[in-house]
Amino acid sequence: MIKLSRINGMPFFLNAELIEQIESTPDTVITLISGKTVMVAEPLETVLKRIVAYRSRLFRGIRVRRTKKGKEKC
């Protein structure tokens, strides 16, 4: 989940896994996979940075090991 603000300044959390696309028109509009759109106060670049940080936190603990046969194993 990433923390964003609606245009009126009210904060909310959005599941970043449900984002289909993000547009800057000039307001930032996020379209979810359900088709619902959400307009946020943050610029597009800020939303992208928060998504990248969120995904980095998710995958930080995952490590890939190679077996003796050269196959990858989580």
Protein backbone atom coordinates (compact mmCIF):
# COMPACT_ATOMS: atom_id res chain seq x y z
CA MET A 1 0.00 0.00 0.00
CA ILE A 2 1.19 3.51 -0.76
CA LYS A 3 0.08 6.67 1.01
CA LEU A 4 -1.37 9.37 -1.25
CA SER A 5 -3.58 12.45 -0.88
CA ARG A 6 -6.81 13.23 -2.66
CA ILE A 7 -7.10 16.60 -4.40
CA ASN A 8 -8.84 17.97 -1.28
CA GLY A 9 -5.79 17.01 0.84
CA MET A 10 -7.36 13.99 2.59
CA PRO A 11 -4.77 11.20 2.89
CA PHE A 12 -5.59 7.61 1.93
CA PHE A 13 -3.77 4.36 1.17
CA LEU A 14 -3.90 2.72 -2.25
CA ASN A 15 -2.99 -0.86 -3.11
CA ALA A 16 -0.21 -0.34 -5.65
CA GLU A 17 -0.80 -3.82 -7.07
CA LEU A 18 -4.17 -2.67 -8.45
CA ILE A 19 -2.81 0.21 -10.54
CA GLU A 20 -3.20 -0.22 -14.29
CA GLN A 21 -1.99 3.20 -15.45
CA ILE A 22 -1.08 6.69 -14.26
CA GLU A 23 -1.60 9.88 -16.25
CA SER A 24 -0.66 13.50 -15.71
CA THR A 25 -3.39 15.61 -17.34
CA PRO A 26 -2.19 18.05 -15.61
CA ASP A 27 -3.62 16.49 -12.42
CA THR A 28 -2.39 13.00 -11.62
CA VAL A 29 -5.07 10.42 -12.46
CA ILE A 30 -4.61 6.78 -11.45
CA THR A 31 -6.66 4.12 -13.21
CA LEU A 32 -7.13 0.86 -11.34
CA ILE A 33 -7.54 -2.56 -12.96
CA SER A 34 -11.25 -2.37 -12.06
CA GLY A 35 -11.59 0.73 -14.28
CA LYS A 36 -12.09 3.08 -11.31
CA THR A 37 -10.08 6.31 -11.49
CA VAL A 38 -8.58 8.21 -8.58
CA MET A 39 -7.29 11.79 -8.82
CA VAL A 40 -4.42 12.54 -6.43
CA ALA A 41 -2.57 15.67 -5.32
CA GLU A 42 0.91 14.19 -5.76
CA PRO A 43 2.74 14.63 -9.07
CA LEU A 44 3.21 11.55 -11.26
CA GLU A 45 6.93 11.28 -10.39
CA THR A 46 6.15 11.13 -6.64
CA VAL A 47 3.58 8.38 -7.17
CA LEU A 48 6.10 6.38 -9.21
CA LYS A 49 8.79 6.78 -6.52
CA ARG A 50 6.37 5.52 -3.87
CA ILE A 51 5.45 2.49 -5.99
CA VAL A 52 9.13 1.65 -6.52
CA ALA A 53 9.84 2.03 -2.78
CA TYR A 54 6.84 -0.18 -1.94
CA ARG A 55 7.97 -2.92 -4.32
CA SER A 56 11.54 -2.68 -3.04
CA ARG A 57 10.28 -3.32 0.49
CA LEU A 58 8.32 -6.34 -0.75
CA PHE A 59 11.28 -7.98 -2.44
CA ARG A 60 14.01 -6.97 0.01
CA GLY A 61 13.86 -10.26 1.91
CA ILE A 62 13.72 -12.55 -1.12
CA ARG A 63 17.03 -14.11 -2.12
CA VAL A 64 17.72 -16.44 -4.99
CA ARG A 65 20.22 -19.25 -4.45
CA ARG A 66 21.76 -21.50 -7.05
CA THR A 67 21.74 -25.22 -6.45
CA LYS A 68 24.73 -27.40 -7.32
CA LYS A 69 23.04 -28.19 -10.63
CA GLY A 70 22.87 -24.46 -11.48
CA LYS A 71 19.12 -24.14 -10.98
CA GLU A 72 17.68 -21.16 -9.14
CA LYS A 73 15.96 -21.77 -5.83
CA CYS A 74 14.16 -19.26 -3.59
